[in-house]
Amino acid sequence: ARLYLDEDVSPRLAVALRQVGYDTESAQELGHLG
């Protein structure tokens, strides 16, 4: 799955998921806070 983690989910999870092959973006990394 291609995932988008909202701002309440730690961006560390996005990093961990990418390390095991998931296409993951996080709100925090993209500047979508608020």
PDB file of all heavy atoms in Angstrom:
ATOM      1  N   ALA A   1       0.827  -1.208   0.000  1.00  0.00           N
ATOM      2  CA  ALA A   1       0.000   0.000   0.000  1.00  0.00           C
ATOM      3  C   ALA A   1       0.863   1.261   0.000  1.00  0.00           C
ATOM      4  O   ALA A   1       1.945   1.292   0.574  1.00  0.00           O
ATOM      5  CB  ALA A   1      -0.904   0.006   1.225  1.00  0.00           C
ATOM      6  N   ARG A   2       0.345   2.286  -0.654  1.00  0.00           N
ATOM      7  CA  ARG A   2       0.947   3.629  -0.590  1.00  0.00           C
ATOM      8  C   ARG A   2       0.269   4.319   0.587  1.00  0.00           C
ATOM      9  O   ARG A   2      -0.950   4.466   0.600  1.00  0.00           O
ATOM     10  CB  ARG A   2       0.694   4.382  -1.885  1.00  0.00           C
ATOM     11  CG  ARG A   2       1.445   3.786  -3.066  1.00  0.00           C
ATOM     12  CD  ARG A   2       0.998   4.356  -4.417  1.00  0.00           C
ATOM     13  NE  ARG A   2       0.657   5.761  -4.417  1.00  0.00           N
ATOM     14  CZ  ARG A   2       1.514   6.775  -4.677  1.00  0.00           C
ATOM     15  NH1 ARG A   2       2.756   6.512  -4.973  1.00  0.00           N
ATOM     16  NH2 ARG A   2       1.100   8.022  -4.665  1.00  0.00           N
ATOM     17  N   LEU A   3       1.035   4.739   1.569  1.00  0.00           N
ATOM     18  CA  LEU A   3       0.477   5.248   2.820  1.00  0.00           C
ATOM     19  C   LEU A   3       0.740   6.735   3.016  1.00  0.00           C
ATOM     20  O   LEU A   3       1.756   7.267   2.568  1.00  0.00           O
ATOM     21  CB  LEU A   3       1.086   4.491   4.005  1.00  0.00           C
ATOM     22  CG  LEU A   3       0.901   2.977   4.009  1.00  0.00           C
ATOM     23  CD1 LEU A   3       1.714   2.354   5.132  1.00  0.00           C
ATOM     24  CD2 LEU A   3      -0.565   2.621   4.135  1.00  0.00           C
ATOM     25  N   TYR A   4      -0.196   7.372   3.714  1.00  0.00           N
ATOM     26  CA  TYR A   4      -0.039   8.758   4.163  1.00  0.00           C
ATOM     27  C   TYR A   4      -0.358   8.774   5.644  1.00  0.00           C
ATOM     28  O   TYR A   4      -1.469   8.440   6.056  1.00  0.00           O
ATOM     29  CB  TYR A   4      -0.970   9.688   3.390  1.00  0.00           C
ATOM     30  CG  TYR A   4      -0.929  11.118   3.879  1.00  0.00           C
ATOM     31  CD1 TYR A   4       0.225  11.886   3.736  1.00  0.00           C
ATOM     32  CD2 TYR A   4      -2.032  11.704   4.471  1.00  0.00           C
ATOM     33  CE1 TYR A   4       0.269  13.200   4.175  1.00  0.00           C
ATOM     34  CE2 TYR A   4      -2.001  13.016   4.912  1.00  0.00           C
ATOM     35  CZ  TYR A   4      -0.851  13.767   4.759  1.00  0.00           C
ATOM     36  OH  TYR A   4      -0.810  15.060   5.199  1.00  0.00           O
ATOM     37  N   LEU A   5       0.621   9.144   6.465  1.00  0.00           N
ATOM     38  CA  LEU A   5       0.450   9.195   7.911  1.00  0.00           C
ATOM     39  C   LEU A   5       0.066  10.610   8.319  1.00  0.00           C
ATOM     40  O   LEU A   5       0.765  11.562   7.956  1.00  0.00           O
ATOM     41  CB  LEU A   5       1.750   8.795   8.618  1.00  0.00           C
ATOM     42  CG  LEU A   5       2.109   7.315   8.674  1.00  0.00           C
ATOM     43  CD1 LEU A   5       2.123   6.655   7.316  1.00  0.00           C
ATOM     44  CD2 LEU A   5       3.423   7.124   9.382  1.00  0.00           C
ATOM     45  N   ASP A   6      -1.029  10.748   9.057  1.00  0.00           N
ATOM     46  CA  ASP A   6      -1.431  12.096   9.461  1.00  0.00           C
ATOM     47  C   ASP A   6      -0.509  12.618  10.561  1.00  0.00           C
ATOM     48  O   ASP A   6       0.398  11.928  11.025  1.00  0.00           O
ATOM     49  CB  ASP A   6      -2.919  12.169   9.818  1.00  0.00           C
ATOM     50  CG  ASP A   6      -3.281  11.694  11.209  1.00  0.00           C
ATOM     51  OD1 ASP A   6      -2.405  11.182  11.934  1.00  0.00           O
ATOM     52  OD2 ASP A   6      -4.458  11.834  11.582  1.00  0.00           O
ATOM     53  N   GLU A   7      -0.736  13.848  10.989  1.00  0.00           N
ATOM     54  CA  GLU A   7       0.214  14.511  11.871  1.00  0.00           C
ATOM     55  C   GLU A   7       0.290  13.920  13.267  1.00  0.00           C
ATOM     56  O   GLU A   7       1.229  14.206  14.013  1.00  0.00           O
ATOM     57  CB  GLU A   7      -0.067  16.011  11.944  1.00  0.00           C
ATOM     58  CG  GLU A   7      -1.371  16.386  12.602  1.00  0.00           C
ATOM     59  CD  GLU A   7      -1.589  17.888  12.554  1.00  0.00           C
ATOM     60  OE1 GLU A   7      -1.830  18.419  11.460  1.00  0.00           O
ATOM     61  OE2 GLU A   7      -1.509  18.530  13.621  1.00  0.00           O
ATOM     62  N   ASP A   8      -0.666  13.084  13.653  1.00  0.00           N
ATOM     63  CA  ASP A   8      -0.627  12.461  14.969  1.00  0.00           C
ATOM     64  C   ASP A   8       0.232  11.201  14.995  1.00  0.00           C
ATOM     65  O   ASP A   8       0.427  10.601  16.041  1.00  0.00           O
ATOM     66  CB  ASP A   8      -2.045  12.130  15.441  1.00  0.00           C
ATOM     67  CG  ASP A   8      -2.860  13.385  15.669  1.00  0.00           C
ATOM     68  OD1 ASP A   8      -2.293  14.390  16.123  1.00  0.00           O
ATOM     69  OD2 ASP A   8      -4.066  13.363  15.392  1.00  0.00           O
ATOM     70  N   VAL A   9       0.722  10.795  13.844  1.00  0.00           N
ATOM     71  CA  VAL A   9       1.564   9.604  13.738  1.00  0.00           C
ATOM     72  C   VAL A   9       3.013  10.071  13.589  1.00  0.00           C
ATOM     73  O   VAL A   9       3.315  10.929  12.766  1.00  0.00           O
ATOM     74  CB  VAL A   9       1.144   8.742  12.527  1.00  0.00           C
ATOM     75  CG1 VAL A   9       2.027   7.519  12.418  1.00  0.00           C
ATOM     76  CG2 VAL A   9      -0.331   8.356  12.625  1.00  0.00           C
ATOM     77  N   SER A  10       3.881   9.499  14.380  1.00  0.00           N
ATOM     78  CA  SER A  10       5.286   9.900  14.362  1.00  0.00           C
ATOM     79  C   SER A  10       5.901   9.685  12.975  1.00  0.00           C
ATOM     80  O   SER A  10       5.718   8.619  12.371  1.00  0.00           O
ATOM     81  CB  SER A  10       6.075   9.080  15.388  1.00  0.00           C
ATOM     82  OG  SER A  10       7.458   9.312  15.247  1.00  0.00           O
ATOM     83  N   PRO A  11       6.654  10.667  12.491  1.00  0.00           N
ATOM     84  CA  PRO A  11       7.342  10.482  11.208  1.00  0.00           C
ATOM     85  C   PRO A  11       8.384   9.364  11.283  1.00  0.00           C
ATOM     86  O   PRO A  11       8.809   8.839  10.259  1.00  0.00           O
ATOM     87  CB  PRO A  11       7.978  11.842  10.923  1.00  0.00           C
ATOM     88  CG  PRO A  11       8.019  12.548  12.226  1.00  0.00           C
ATOM     89  CD  PRO A  11       6.888  11.999  13.053  1.00  0.00           C
ATOM     90  N   ARG A  12       8.777   8.968  12.486  1.00  0.00           N
ATOM     91  CA  ARG A  12       9.694   7.833  12.629  1.00  0.00           C
ATOM     92  C   ARG A  12       9.063   6.551  12.095  1.00  0.00           C
ATOM     93  O   ARG A  12       9.761   5.682  11.576  1.00  0.00           O
ATOM     94  CB  ARG A  12      10.116   7.659  14.085  1.00  0.00           C
ATOM     95  CG  ARG A  12      11.022   8.803  14.561  1.00  0.00           C
ATOM     96  CD  ARG A  12      11.425   8.621  15.979  1.00  0.00           C
ATOM     97  NE  ARG A  12      10.204   8.660  16.806  1.00  0.00           N
ATOM     98  CZ  ARG A  12      10.172   8.531  18.108  1.00  0.00           C
ATOM     99  NH1 ARG A  12      11.279   8.322  18.786  1.00  0.00           N
ATOM    100  NH2 ARG A  12       9.039   8.599  18.768  1.00  0.00           N
ATOM    101  N   LEU A  13       7.728   6.450  12.201  1.00  0.00           N
ATOM    102  CA  LEU A  13       7.054   5.286  11.643  1.00  0.00           C
ATOM    103  C   LEU A  13       7.158   5.300  10.120  1.00  0.00           C
ATOM    104  O   LEU A  13       7.353   4.261   9.498  1.00  0.00           O
ATOM    105  CB  LEU A  13       5.591   5.232  12.082  1.00  0.00           C
ATOM    106  CG  LEU A  13       4.782   4.036  11.571  1.00  0.00           C
ATOM    107  CD1 LEU A  13       5.437   2.714  11.962  1.00  0.00           C
ATOM    108  CD2 LEU A  13       3.350   4.102  12.077  1.00  0.00           C
ATOM    109  N   ALA A  14       7.046   6.470   9.518  1.00  0.00           N
ATOM    110  CA  ALA A  14       7.197   6.583   8.062  1.00  0.00           C
ATOM    111  C   ALA A  14       8.583   6.095   7.643  1.00  0.00           C
ATOM    112  O   ALA A  14       8.719   5.349   6.673  1.00  0.00           O
ATOM    113  CB  ALA A  14       6.974   8.023   7.601  1.00  0.00           C
ATOM    114  N   VAL A  15       9.597   6.490   8.374  1.00  0.00           N
ATOM    115  CA  VAL A  15      10.966   6.068   8.073  1.00  0.00           C
ATOM    116  C   VAL A  15      11.075   4.548   8.191  1.00  0.00           C
ATOM    117  O   VAL A  15      11.621   3.878   7.303  1.00  0.00           O
ATOM    118  CB  VAL A  15      11.983   6.775   9.008  1.00  0.00           C
ATOM    119  CG1 VAL A  15      13.374   6.193   8.843  1.00  0.00           C
ATOM    120  CG2 VAL A  15      11.990   8.277   8.748  1.00  0.00           C
ATOM    121  N   ALA A  16      10.541   3.993   9.270  1.00  0.00           N
ATOM    122  CA  ALA A  16      10.611   2.543   9.487  1.00  0.00           C
ATOM    123  C   ALA A  16       9.870   1.782   8.392  1.00  0.00           C
ATOM    124  O   ALA A  16      10.353   0.751   7.904  1.00  0.00           O
ATOM    125  CB  ALA A  16      10.051   2.191  10.864  1.00  0.00           C
ATOM    126  N   LEU A  17       8.709   2.273   8.002  1.00  0.00           N
ATOM    127  CA  LEU A  17       7.937   1.611   6.953  1.00  0.00           C
ATOM    128  C   LEU A  17       8.668   1.663   5.610  1.00  0.00           C
ATOM    129  O   LEU A  17       8.667   0.690   4.857  1.00  0.00           O
ATOM    130  CB  LEU A  17       6.543   2.216   6.838  1.00  0.00           C
ATOM    131  CG  LEU A  17       5.587   1.872   7.985  1.00  0.00           C
ATOM    132  CD1 LEU A  17       4.352   2.757   7.929  1.00  0.00           C
ATOM    133  CD2 LEU A  17       5.207   0.404   7.939  1.00  0.00           C
ATOM    134  N   ARG A  18       9.289   2.797   5.312  1.00  0.00           N
ATOM    135  CA  ARG A  18      10.066   2.895   4.069  1.00  0.00           C
ATOM    136  C   ARG A  18      11.228   1.907   4.063  1.00  0.00           C
ATOM    137  O   ARG A  18      11.562   1.331   3.028  1.00  0.00           O
ATOM    138  CB  ARG A  18      10.569   4.322   3.864  1.00  0.00           C
ATOM    139  CG  ARG A  18       9.492   5.269   3.351  1.00  0.00           C
ATOM    140  CD  ARG A  18      10.067   6.574   2.853  1.00  0.00           C
ATOM    141  NE  ARG A  18      10.644   7.376   3.908  1.00  0.00           N
ATOM    142  CZ  ARG A  18       9.977   8.306   4.597  1.00  0.00           C
ATOM    143  NH1 ARG A  18       8.704   8.566   4.337  1.00  0.00           N
ATOM    144  NH2 ARG A  18      10.586   8.994   5.539  1.00  0.00           N
ATOM    145  N   GLN A  19      11.825   1.680   5.231  1.00  0.00           N
ATOM    146  CA  GLN A  19      12.961   0.756   5.322  1.00  0.00           C
ATOM    147  C   GLN A  19      12.566  -0.679   4.985  1.00  0.00           C
ATOM    148  O   GLN A  19      13.417  -1.458   4.583  1.00  0.00           O
ATOM    149  CB  GLN A  19      13.595   0.817   6.712  1.00  0.00           C
ATOM    150  CG  GLN A  19      14.344   2.102   6.952  1.00  0.00           C
ATOM    151  CD  GLN A  19      14.884   2.218   8.365  1.00  0.00           C
ATOM    152  OE1 GLN A  19      14.479   1.499   9.274  1.00  0.00           O
ATOM    153  NE2 GLN A  19      15.808   3.146   8.559  1.00  0.00           N
ATOM    154  N   VAL A  20      11.285  -1.000   5.148  1.00  0.00           N
ATOM    155  CA  VAL A  20      10.828  -2.353   4.803  1.00  0.00           C
ATOM    156  C   VAL A  20      10.024  -2.359   3.507  1.00  0.00           C
ATOM    157  O   VAL A  20       9.307  -3.305   3.208  1.00  0.00           O
ATOM    158  CB  VAL A  20      10.040  -3.023   5.960  1.00  0.00           C
ATOM    159  CG1 VAL A  20      10.949  -3.271   7.146  1.00  0.00           C
ATOM    160  CG2 VAL A  20       8.814  -2.211   6.352  1.00  0.00           C
ATOM    161  N   GLY A  21      10.126  -1.269   2.733  1.00  0.00           N
ATOM    162  CA  GLY A  21       9.598  -1.265   1.382  1.00  0.00           C
ATOM    163  C   GLY A  21       8.262  -0.587   1.144  1.00  0.00           C
ATOM    164  O   GLY A  21       7.758  -0.606   0.025  1.00  0.00           O
ATOM    165  N   TYR A  22       7.679   0.019   2.165  1.00  0.00           N
ATOM    166  CA  TYR A  22       6.407   0.709   1.954  1.00  0.00           C
ATOM    167  C   TYR A  22       6.646   2.117   1.418  1.00  0.00           C
ATOM    168  O   TYR A  22       7.548   2.818   1.871  1.00  0.00           O
ATOM    169  CB  TYR A  22       5.601   0.800   3.255  1.00  0.00           C
ATOM    170  CG  TYR A  22       4.954  -0.496   3.639  1.00  0.00           C
ATOM    171  CD1 TYR A  22       5.633  -1.424   4.407  1.00  0.00           C
ATOM    172  CD2 TYR A  22       3.665  -0.795   3.219  1.00  0.00           C
ATOM    173  CE1 TYR A  22       5.047  -2.628   4.754  1.00  0.00           C
ATOM    174  CE2 TYR A  22       3.068  -1.999   3.563  1.00  0.00           C
ATOM    175  CZ  TYR A  22       3.766  -2.909   4.330  1.00  0.00           C
ATOM    176  OH  TYR A  22       3.183  -4.104   4.667  1.00  0.00           O
ATOM    177  N   ASP A  23       5.829   2.520   0.467  1.00  0.00           N
ATOM    178  CA  ASP A  23       5.848   3.880  -0.085  1.00  0.00           C
ATOM    179  C   ASP A  23       5.045   4.744   0.884  1.00  0.00           C
ATOM    180  O   ASP A  23       3.816   4.718   0.885  1.00  0.00           O
ATOM    181  CB  ASP A  23       5.211   3.860  -1.478  1.00  0.00           C
ATOM    182  CG  ASP A  23       5.199   5.220  -2.144  1.00  0.00           C
ATOM    183  OD1 ASP A  23       5.546   6.224  -1.491  1.00  0.00           O
ATOM    184  OD2 ASP A  23       4.820   5.272  -3.323  1.00  0.00           O
ATOM    185  N   THR A  24       5.739   5.465   1.742  1.00  0.00           N
ATOM    186  CA  THR A  24       5.100   6.167   2.852  1.00  0.00           C
ATOM    187  C   THR A  24       5.482   7.633   2.894  1.00  0.00           C
ATOM    188  O   THR A  24       6.651   7.981   2.753  1.00  0.00           O
ATOM    189  CB  THR A  24       5.497   5.509   4.192  1.00  0.00           C
ATOM    190  OG1 THR A  24       5.227   4.111   4.123  1.00  0.00           O
ATOM    191  CG2 THR A  24       4.741   6.111   5.353  1.00  0.00           C
ATOM    192  N   GLU A  25       4.492   8.489   3.087  1.00  0.00           N
ATOM    193  CA  GLU A  25       4.681   9.929   3.296  1.00  0.00           C
ATOM    194  C   GLU A  25       4.049  10.282   4.640  1.00  0.00           C
ATOM    195  O   GLU A  25       3.072   9.657   5.048  1.00  0.00           O
ATOM    196  CB  GLU A  25       3.982  10.743   2.204  1.00  0.00           C
ATOM    197  CG  GLU A  25       4.477  10.475   0.802  1.00  0.00           C
ATOM    198  CD  GLU A  25       5.756  11.223   0.473  1.00  0.00           C
ATOM    199  OE1 GLU A  25       6.268  11.962   1.326  1.00  0.00           O
ATOM    200  OE2 GLU A  25       6.242  11.044  -0.655  1.00  0.00           O
ATOM    201  N   SER A  26       4.576  11.277   5.308  1.00  0.00           N
ATOM    202  CA  SER A  26       3.953  11.716   6.555  1.00  0.00           C
ATOM    203  C   SER A  26       3.622  13.199   6.479  1.00  0.00           C
ATOM    204  O   SER A  26       4.315  13.977   5.814  1.00  0.00           O
ATOM    205  CB  SER A  26       4.866  11.442   7.756  1.00  0.00           C
ATOM    206  OG  SER A  26       5.842  12.431   7.899  1.00  0.00           O
ATOM    207  N   ALA A  27       2.551  13.557   7.155  1.00  0.00           N
ATOM    208  CA  ALA A  27       2.126  14.960   7.188  1.00  0.00           C
ATOM    209  C   ALA A  27       3.248  15.846   7.720  1.00  0.00           C
ATOM    210  O   ALA A  27       3.485  16.939   7.197  1.00  0.00           O
ATOM    211  CB  ALA A  27       0.875  15.101   8.050  1.00  0.00           C
ATOM    212  N   GLN A  28       3.938  15.374   8.725  1.00  0.00           N
ATOM    213  CA  GLN A  28       5.012  16.174   9.315  1.00  0.00           C
ATOM    214  C   GLN A  28       6.141  16.402   8.324  1.00  0.00           C
ATOM    215  O   GLN A  28       6.651  17.515   8.210  1.00  0.00           O
ATOM    216  CB  GLN A  28       5.518  15.516  10.591  1.00  0.00           C
ATOM    217  CG  GLN A  28       4.475  15.528  11.684  1.00  0.00           C
ATOM    218  CD  GLN A  28       4.939  14.824  12.942  1.00  0.00           C
ATOM    219  OE1 GLN A  28       6.019  14.264  13.013  1.00  0.00           O
ATOM    220  NE2 GLN A  28       4.101  14.854  13.962  1.00  0.00           N
ATOM    221  N   GLU A  29       6.520  15.366   7.600  1.00  0.00           N
ATOM    222  CA  GLU A  29       7.610  15.503   6.629  1.00  0.00           C
ATOM    223  C   GLU A  29       7.227  16.425   5.477  1.00  0.00           C
ATOM    224  O   GLU A  29       8.081  17.114   4.912  1.00  0.00           O
ATOM    225  CB  GLU A  29       7.983  14.137   6.062  1.00  0.00           C
ATOM    226  CG  GLU A  29       8.602  13.197   7.083  1.00  0.00           C
ATOM    227  CD  GLU A  29       8.742  11.784   6.567  1.00  0.00           C
ATOM    228  OE1 GLU A  29       7.940  11.338   5.723  1.00  0.00           O
ATOM    229  OE2 GLU A  29       9.667  11.106   7.027  1.00  0.00           O
ATOM    230  N   LEU A  30       5.947  16.433   5.129  1.00  0.00           N
ATOM    231  CA  LEU A  30       5.487  17.243   3.996  1.00  0.00           C
ATOM    232  C   LEU A  30       5.086  18.662   4.393  1.00  0.00           C
ATOM    233  O   LEU A  30       4.728  19.462   3.533  1.00  0.00           O
ATOM    234  CB  LEU A  30       4.295  16.551   3.316  1.00  0.00           C
ATOM    235  CG  LEU A  30       4.613  15.211   2.668  1.00  0.00           C
ATOM    236  CD1 LEU A  30       3.321  14.530   2.216  1.00  0.00           C
ATOM    237  CD2 LEU A  30       5.552  15.407   1.484  1.00  0.00           C
ATOM    238  N   GLY A  31       5.130  18.974   5.683  1.00  0.00           N
ATOM    239  CA  GLY A  31       4.749  20.310   6.140  1.00  0.00           C
ATOM    240  C   GLY A  31       3.249  20.523   6.212  1.00  0.00           C
ATOM    241  O   GLY A  31       2.783  21.648   6.082  1.00  0.00           O
ATOM    242  N   HIS A  32       2.508  19.444   6.422  1.00  0.00           N
ATOM    243  CA  HIS A  32       1.046  19.534   6.474  1.00  0.00           C
ATOM    244  C   HIS A  32       0.517  19.691   7.899  1.00  0.00           C
ATOM    245  O   HIS A  32      -0.652  19.434   8.153  1.00  0.00           O
ATOM    246  CB  HIS A  32       0.420  18.287   5.845  1.00  0.00           C
ATOM    247  CG  HIS A  32       0.718  18.127   4.396  1.00  0.00           C
ATOM    248  ND1 HIS A  32       0.296  17.041   3.680  1.00  0.00           N
ATOM    249  CD2 HIS A  32       1.404  18.901   3.512  1.00  0.00           C
ATOM    250  CE1 HIS A  32       0.692  17.139   2.421  1.00  0.00           C
ATOM    251  NE2 HIS A  32       1.381  18.258   2.297  1.00  0.00           N
ATOM    252  N   LEU A  33       1.344  20.122   8.821  1.00  0.00           N
ATOM    253  CA  LEU A  33       0.908  20.296  10.203  1.00  0.00           C
ATOM    254  C   LEU A  33      -0.147  21.389  10.289  1.00  0.00           C
ATOM    255  O   LEU A  33      -0.042  22.426   9.629  1.00  0.00           O
ATOM    256  CB  LEU A  33       2.102  20.641  11.097  1.00  0.00           C
ATOM    257  CG  LEU A  33       3.182  19.581  11.189  1.00  0.00           C
ATOM    258  CD1 LEU A  33       4.312  20.044  12.103  1.00  0.00           C
ATOM    259  CD2 LEU A  33       2.611  18.262  11.672  1.00  0.00           C
ATOM    260  N   GLY A  34      -1.166  21.138  11.097  1.00  0.00           N
ATOM    261  CA  GLY A  34      -2.226  22.119  11.272  1.00  0.00           C
ATOM    262  C   GLY A  34      -3.330  22.016  10.239  1.00  0.00           C
ATOM    263  O   GLY A  34      -4.313  22.748  10.324  1.00  0.00           O
TER     264      GLY A  34
END
